[in-house]
Protein backbone atom coordinates (compact mmCIF):
# COMPACT_ATOMS: atom_id res chain seq x y z
CA MET A 1 151.03 89.12 84.06
CA ALA A 2 150.55 92.88 84.14
CA ASN A 3 150.68 94.66 87.47
CA SER A 4 149.58 98.15 88.42
CA ALA A 5 148.87 100.16 91.53
CA GLN A 6 145.19 99.32 91.02
CA GLY A 7 145.55 95.55 90.85
CA THR A 8 146.72 92.57 88.86
CA LEU A 9 145.66 91.94 85.28
CA GLN A 10 146.39 88.23 84.94
CA ASP A 11 145.82 86.85 81.41
CA CYS A 12 144.55 90.25 80.18
CA GLY A 13 145.54 92.30 77.15
CA VAL A 14 144.43 95.01 74.74
CA ILE A 15 144.01 94.61 70.98
CA TYR A 16 143.80 97.27 68.29
CA ALA A 17 142.91 96.93 64.61
CA VAL A 18 144.57 99.49 62.38
CA THR A 19 145.55 100.29 58.79
CA GLY A 20 146.91 103.58 57.46
CA GLU A 21 149.60 105.90 58.85
CA PRO A 22 147.21 108.49 60.41
CA TYR A 23 145.55 105.74 62.44
CA PHE A 24 148.87 104.25 63.57
CA LYS A 25 149.82 107.70 64.88
CA GLU A 26 146.44 108.01 66.58
CA MET A 27 146.92 104.57 68.13
CA ARG A 28 150.35 105.58 69.42
CA THR A 29 148.70 108.29 71.52
CA SER A 30 146.15 105.78 72.77
CA ILE A 31 148.84 103.24 73.71
CA ARG A 32 150.87 105.88 75.53
CA SER A 33 147.78 106.73 77.57
CA ILE A 34 147.51 103.07 78.58
CA ARG A 35 151.19 102.95 79.48
CA ALA A 36 150.73 105.88 81.87
CA VAL A 37 148.22 103.76 83.83
CA HIS A 38 149.33 100.18 83.14
CA PRO A 39 153.03 100.08 82.17
CA ASP A 40 153.12 96.30 81.64
CA LEU A 41 149.72 95.47 80.15
CA PRO A 42 150.27 93.42 76.97
CA ILE A 43 149.05 95.01 73.73
CA THR A 44 148.54 93.41 70.32
CA VAL A 45 148.39 95.49 67.15
CA ALA A 46 146.46 93.73 64.36
CA TYR A 47 147.16 95.27 60.97
CA SER A 48 147.31 94.63 57.25
CA TRP A 49 150.44 95.33 55.18
CA GLU A 50 152.01 98.10 57.28
CA GLY A 51 154.10 95.99 59.68
CA ALA A 52 157.30 98.00 59.21
CA LEU A 53 155.44 101.27 59.71
CA ALA A 54 153.77 99.95 62.86
CA ARG A 55 157.09 98.91 64.38
CA GLU A 56 158.70 102.22 63.47
CA LEU A 57 155.93 104.35 64.96
CA LEU A 58 155.70 102.27 68.14
CA ALA A 59 159.44 101.84 68.67
CA GLY A 60 160.43 102.16 72.30
CA ILE A 61 157.02 101.23 73.73
CA ALA A 62 157.29 97.97 75.64
CA HIS A 63 155.07 94.88 75.67
CA ILE A 64 153.64 95.21 72.15
CA ASP A 65 153.14 92.36 69.70
CA PHE A 66 152.17 92.64 66.04
CA LEU A 67 149.71 90.48 64.14
CA ASP A 68 149.57 90.63 60.34
CA LEU A 69 146.05 89.80 59.13
CA THR A 70 146.69 90.58 55.46
CA GLU A 71 146.05 87.07 54.23
CA THR A 72 143.01 86.64 56.49
CA VAL A 73 141.41 89.77 55.04
CA ARG A 74 142.39 88.85 51.51
CA ALA A 75 140.91 85.35 51.88
CA SER A 76 137.59 86.85 52.99
CA GLY A 77 137.15 88.46 49.58
CA LEU A 78 137.25 92.08 50.76
CA LYS A 79 138.90 94.63 48.48
CA MET A 80 142.50 95.08 49.61
CA SER A 81 142.76 98.25 47.51
CA ASP A 82 139.93 99.89 49.49
CA GLY A 83 141.42 101.25 52.72
CA MET A 84 138.10 101.36 54.54
CA GLU A 85 137.14 97.86 53.47
CA ARG A 86 140.55 96.47 54.42
CA SER A 87 140.58 98.16 57.83
CA ARG A 88 137.14 96.78 58.67
CA GLY A 89 138.37 93.36 57.58
CA VAL A 90 141.09 93.55 60.23
CA LYS A 91 138.71 94.74 62.95
CA ILE A 92 136.02 92.10 62.50
CA ASN A 93 138.65 89.37 62.97
CA THR A 94 139.95 90.59 66.33
CA ILE A 95 137.67 88.31 68.37
CA ASN A 96 138.97 85.33 66.40
CA VAL A 97 142.68 86.14 66.69
CA SER A 98 143.22 87.75 70.10
CA PRO A 99 145.93 85.83 72.02
CA TYR A 100 144.57 86.77 75.45
CA ARG A 101 142.17 85.01 77.77
CA PHE A 102 140.58 88.38 78.57
CA THR A 103 140.75 91.02 75.83
CA LEU A 104 139.83 94.69 75.67
CA PHE A 105 139.30 95.95 72.12
CA LEU A 106 139.96 99.66 71.61
CA ASP A 107 139.52 101.83 68.54
CA THR A 108 142.59 103.92 67.75
CA ASP A 109 140.86 107.19 68.73
CA THR A 110 140.54 106.21 72.39
CA TYR A 111 142.36 107.65 75.39
CA VAL A 112 142.66 105.83 78.70
CA ARG A 113 142.43 108.19 81.67
CA LYS A 114 142.13 105.72 84.55
CA THR A 115 142.59 102.08 85.46
CA LEU A 116 141.16 99.37 83.22
CA VAL A 117 140.90 96.86 86.07
CA PRO A 118 137.13 97.29 86.64
CA MET A 119 136.44 96.54 82.97
CA PHE A 120 138.38 93.28 83.19
CA ASP A 121 136.85 92.49 86.60
CA ALA A 122 133.38 92.74 85.03
CA LEU A 123 134.50 90.28 82.37
CA ARG A 124 135.77 87.80 85.00
CA GLU A 125 132.49 87.76 86.93
CA ASP A 126 130.16 84.76 86.63
CA ASP A 127 130.20 83.36 83.09
CA THR A 128 130.33 86.75 81.38
CA GLN A 129 131.64 86.37 77.84
CA ILE A 130 131.50 89.97 76.66
CA VAL A 131 131.33 93.42 78.23
CA LEU A 132 129.70 96.02 76.01
CA THR A 133 129.11 99.77 76.07
CA ASN A 134 126.26 101.69 74.49
CA GLU A 135 126.16 104.27 71.75
CA PRO A 136 124.64 107.70 72.52
CA ILE A 137 121.40 108.72 70.82
CA ALA A 138 122.26 111.56 68.47
CA TYR A 139 119.96 113.89 66.58
CA TYR A 140 120.10 113.87 62.78
CA PRO A 141 117.96 116.37 60.84
CA LYS A 142 115.94 114.29 58.39
CA GLU A 143 117.01 116.09 55.21
CA GLN A 144 120.67 116.12 56.20
CA TYR A 145 120.60 112.43 57.14
CA GLU A 146 118.96 111.40 53.87
CA LYS A 147 121.41 113.50 51.84
CA GLY A 148 124.37 111.92 53.63
CA ILE A 149 123.09 108.43 52.94
CA ALA A 150 122.35 109.27 49.31
CA ASP A 151 125.87 110.65 48.87
CA GLY A 152 127.32 107.49 50.40
CA ASP A 153 128.68 109.32 53.44
CA ARG A 154 128.34 108.86 57.17
CA PRO A 155 125.65 111.30 58.34
CA ASN A 156 126.78 114.05 60.69
CA ALA A 157 124.87 114.36 63.95
CA GLN A 158 123.54 117.79 64.85
CA GLY A 159 122.69 117.31 68.53
CA LEU A 160 122.25 114.88 71.42
CA ILE A 161 118.99 113.26 72.51
CA ALA A 162 120.30 110.88 75.20
CA LEU A 163 123.67 109.93 76.68
CA SER A 164 123.02 106.22 76.12
CA ASN A 165 120.99 104.01 73.80
CA PRO A 166 120.33 100.76 75.71
CA LYS A 167 119.38 98.97 72.48
CA TYR A 168 122.54 99.71 70.51
CA PHE A 169 126.20 98.93 71.30
CA ASN A 170 129.29 100.81 70.20
CA SER A 171 131.99 98.68 68.57
CA GLY A 172 134.90 100.93 69.57
CA VAL A 173 135.21 99.78 73.19
CA PHE A 174 134.27 96.27 74.33
CA ALA A 175 135.90 93.37 76.18
CA PHE A 176 135.58 89.63 75.67
CA ARG A 177 136.74 86.23 76.89
CA ASP A 178 138.47 83.84 74.52
CA THR A 179 135.64 81.35 75.14
CA ILE A 180 133.17 83.65 73.36
CA ARG A 181 134.50 82.02 70.21
CA ASP A 182 132.80 78.81 71.34
CA TYR A 183 129.47 80.65 71.02
CA GLY A 184 130.24 81.60 67.42
CA ALA A 185 130.67 85.30 68.14
CA GLY A 186 133.94 85.67 66.24
CA THR A 187 132.85 83.88 63.09
CA GLY A 188 129.38 85.42 63.44
CA TRP A 189 130.75 88.98 63.32
CA VAL A 190 132.84 88.17 60.27
CA GLU A 191 129.99 86.44 58.43
CA GLN A 192 127.49 89.19 59.24
CA PHE A 193 129.86 91.88 58.05
CA LEU A 194 130.70 90.05 54.82
CA THR A 195 127.01 89.55 54.05
CA GLN A 196 126.36 93.23 54.73
CA SER A 197 129.35 94.40 52.68
CA GLN A 198 128.22 92.43 49.64
CA ALA A 199 124.61 93.62 49.72
CA PRO A 200 123.45 96.45 47.46
CA ALA A 201 123.50 99.71 49.41
CA THR A 202 123.37 103.38 48.49
CA SER A 203 125.76 104.22 51.32
CA ASN A 204 129.31 102.89 51.43
CA TRP A 205 129.39 103.81 55.11
CA ALA A 206 126.30 101.69 55.84
CA ARG A 207 127.65 98.79 53.82
CA LEU A 208 130.94 98.78 55.73
CA CYS A 209 129.66 99.59 59.22
CA ASP A 210 131.27 97.01 61.50
CA GLN A 211 129.18 98.35 64.37
CA THR A 212 125.92 97.39 62.67
CA ALA A 213 127.33 93.91 62.03
CA LEU A 214 128.39 93.53 65.68
CA ASN A 215 124.95 94.56 66.92
CA LYS A 216 123.21 92.14 64.60
CA THR A 217 125.52 89.37 65.78
CA MET A 218 124.84 90.10 69.45
CA ASN A 219 121.09 90.32 68.80
CA ARG A 220 121.17 86.95 67.08
CA LEU A 221 123.37 85.18 69.64
CA THR A 222 121.18 86.02 72.63
CA GLU A 223 122.54 83.08 74.63
CA ILE A 224 125.91 84.79 75.11
CA PRO A 225 126.23 85.94 78.77
CA ARG A 226 127.00 89.65 78.71
CA LYS A 227 127.31 92.77 80.83
CA VAL A 228 126.80 96.36 79.78
CA LEU A 229 128.93 99.05 81.41
CA SER A 230 128.06 102.73 81.28
CA ASN A 231 129.38 104.48 78.20
CA THR A 232 129.57 107.69 80.24
CA VAL A 233 132.44 106.04 82.14
CA TRP A 234 133.93 103.49 79.75
CA ASN A 235 133.26 104.93 76.29
CA ALA A 236 132.87 108.70 76.48
CA GLN A 237 132.44 109.66 72.84
CA CYS A 238 132.66 113.16 71.41
CA LYS A 239 128.89 113.53 71.44
CA ILE A 240 128.60 113.23 75.23
CA LEU A 241 131.76 114.98 76.47
CA PHE A 242 130.16 118.41 76.77
CA GLU A 243 127.26 117.07 78.83
CA LEU A 244 129.51 114.95 81.06
CA HIS A 245 131.56 118.02 81.89
CA LYS A 246 128.48 120.18 82.33
CA GLN A 247 126.92 117.63 84.70
CA GLY A 248 130.08 117.30 86.80
CA LEU A 249 130.79 113.74 85.64
CA TRP A 250 134.16 114.33 84.00
CA ASP A 251 136.24 112.75 86.74
CA ASP A 252 134.26 109.51 86.39
CA ILE A 253 135.52 108.91 82.84
CA HIS A 254 137.98 106.05 82.37
CA ILE A 255 138.06 105.96 78.55
CA ILE A 256 137.55 108.91 76.19
CA HIS A 257 136.61 107.90 72.63
CA CYS A 258 137.07 110.97 70.46
CA LYS A 259 139.53 111.85 67.69
CA MET A 260 139.90 115.38 69.00
CA VAL A 261 141.57 114.17 72.21
CA HIS A 262 144.61 113.27 70.09
CA HIS A 263 144.95 116.87 68.94
CA LEU A 264 143.82 118.77 72.03
CA GLY A 265 144.70 116.41 74.88
CA PRO A 266 142.42 114.90 77.55
CA GLU A 267 141.89 117.98 79.71
CA PRO A 268 138.32 119.32 79.52
CA GLU A 269 139.36 122.96 79.47
CA LYS A 270 140.73 122.46 75.95
CA LEU A 271 138.58 119.59 74.78
CA VAL A 272 134.94 120.34 75.53
CA HIS A 273 134.65 124.00 74.66
CA GLY A 274 135.39 123.74 70.95
CA GLN A 275 132.59 124.43 68.48
CA TYR A 276 132.04 120.79 67.53
CA ILE A 277 131.92 119.14 70.96
CA SER A 278 130.02 122.00 72.59
CA SER A 279 127.32 121.68 69.93
CA PHE A 280 126.21 118.39 71.52
CA GLU A 281 124.17 119.79 74.37
CA LEU A 282 121.22 117.64 75.34
CA ILE A 283 118.13 118.63 73.38
CA LYS A 284 115.26 119.33 75.73
CA THR A 285 112.17 117.42 74.66
């Protein structure tokens, strides 16, 4: 049981999926941000191959368990030599392997600013099986988007159309009950991703997008009871940070989801005024 000034987190825990030294270091910052708010909240690090590195980088941080999914990923047929393919293989299995009754999944480039209790409370309500957050709606110039896809790269957004897309979920921050496995969500995510990864595609990024696979799984399994929490509070990605600060909503953020927070810190004075983040001002239409 994890206790905090904000409440009790009985049967709750956080899981990460990570491969590669840069991402372990990124995760270390994320875990330390959790520890500042919830010193005793259990955390599981799911990885492939780099167990010794994980333990070395996280030495001294309490209440962390490690879960080696190397053989699980290998058995799925994904290329172990491809870092991106292997890392996605770890991530898509987190629903299946989490040891907690109530789990919060976090990407490594997240930073927890405030209590996680309301996220878990939303998961405990009624028969809710999963708590999701939305993706923003970004602007991609047509020519740039098509070139990125043709080159096999992830397209770079050039602006922001809306803070939230109610029809599309982000796979970097979501919470689930262990009983969601009874609905087939865990195996469904894996199967959808494997089908997608094996299909012909001009873009390696599109082929290995775990987020697309999660959305397709949720759209197919419509019977799963779910809640959607505001991404402006629970999943504040790089693309919306400038607008949240501009609109006076910064203090409402519980989870920042942006790689730059690991280099610049979570304070808006340093984070939101850089060239990249400040370029995402809402486009007036």
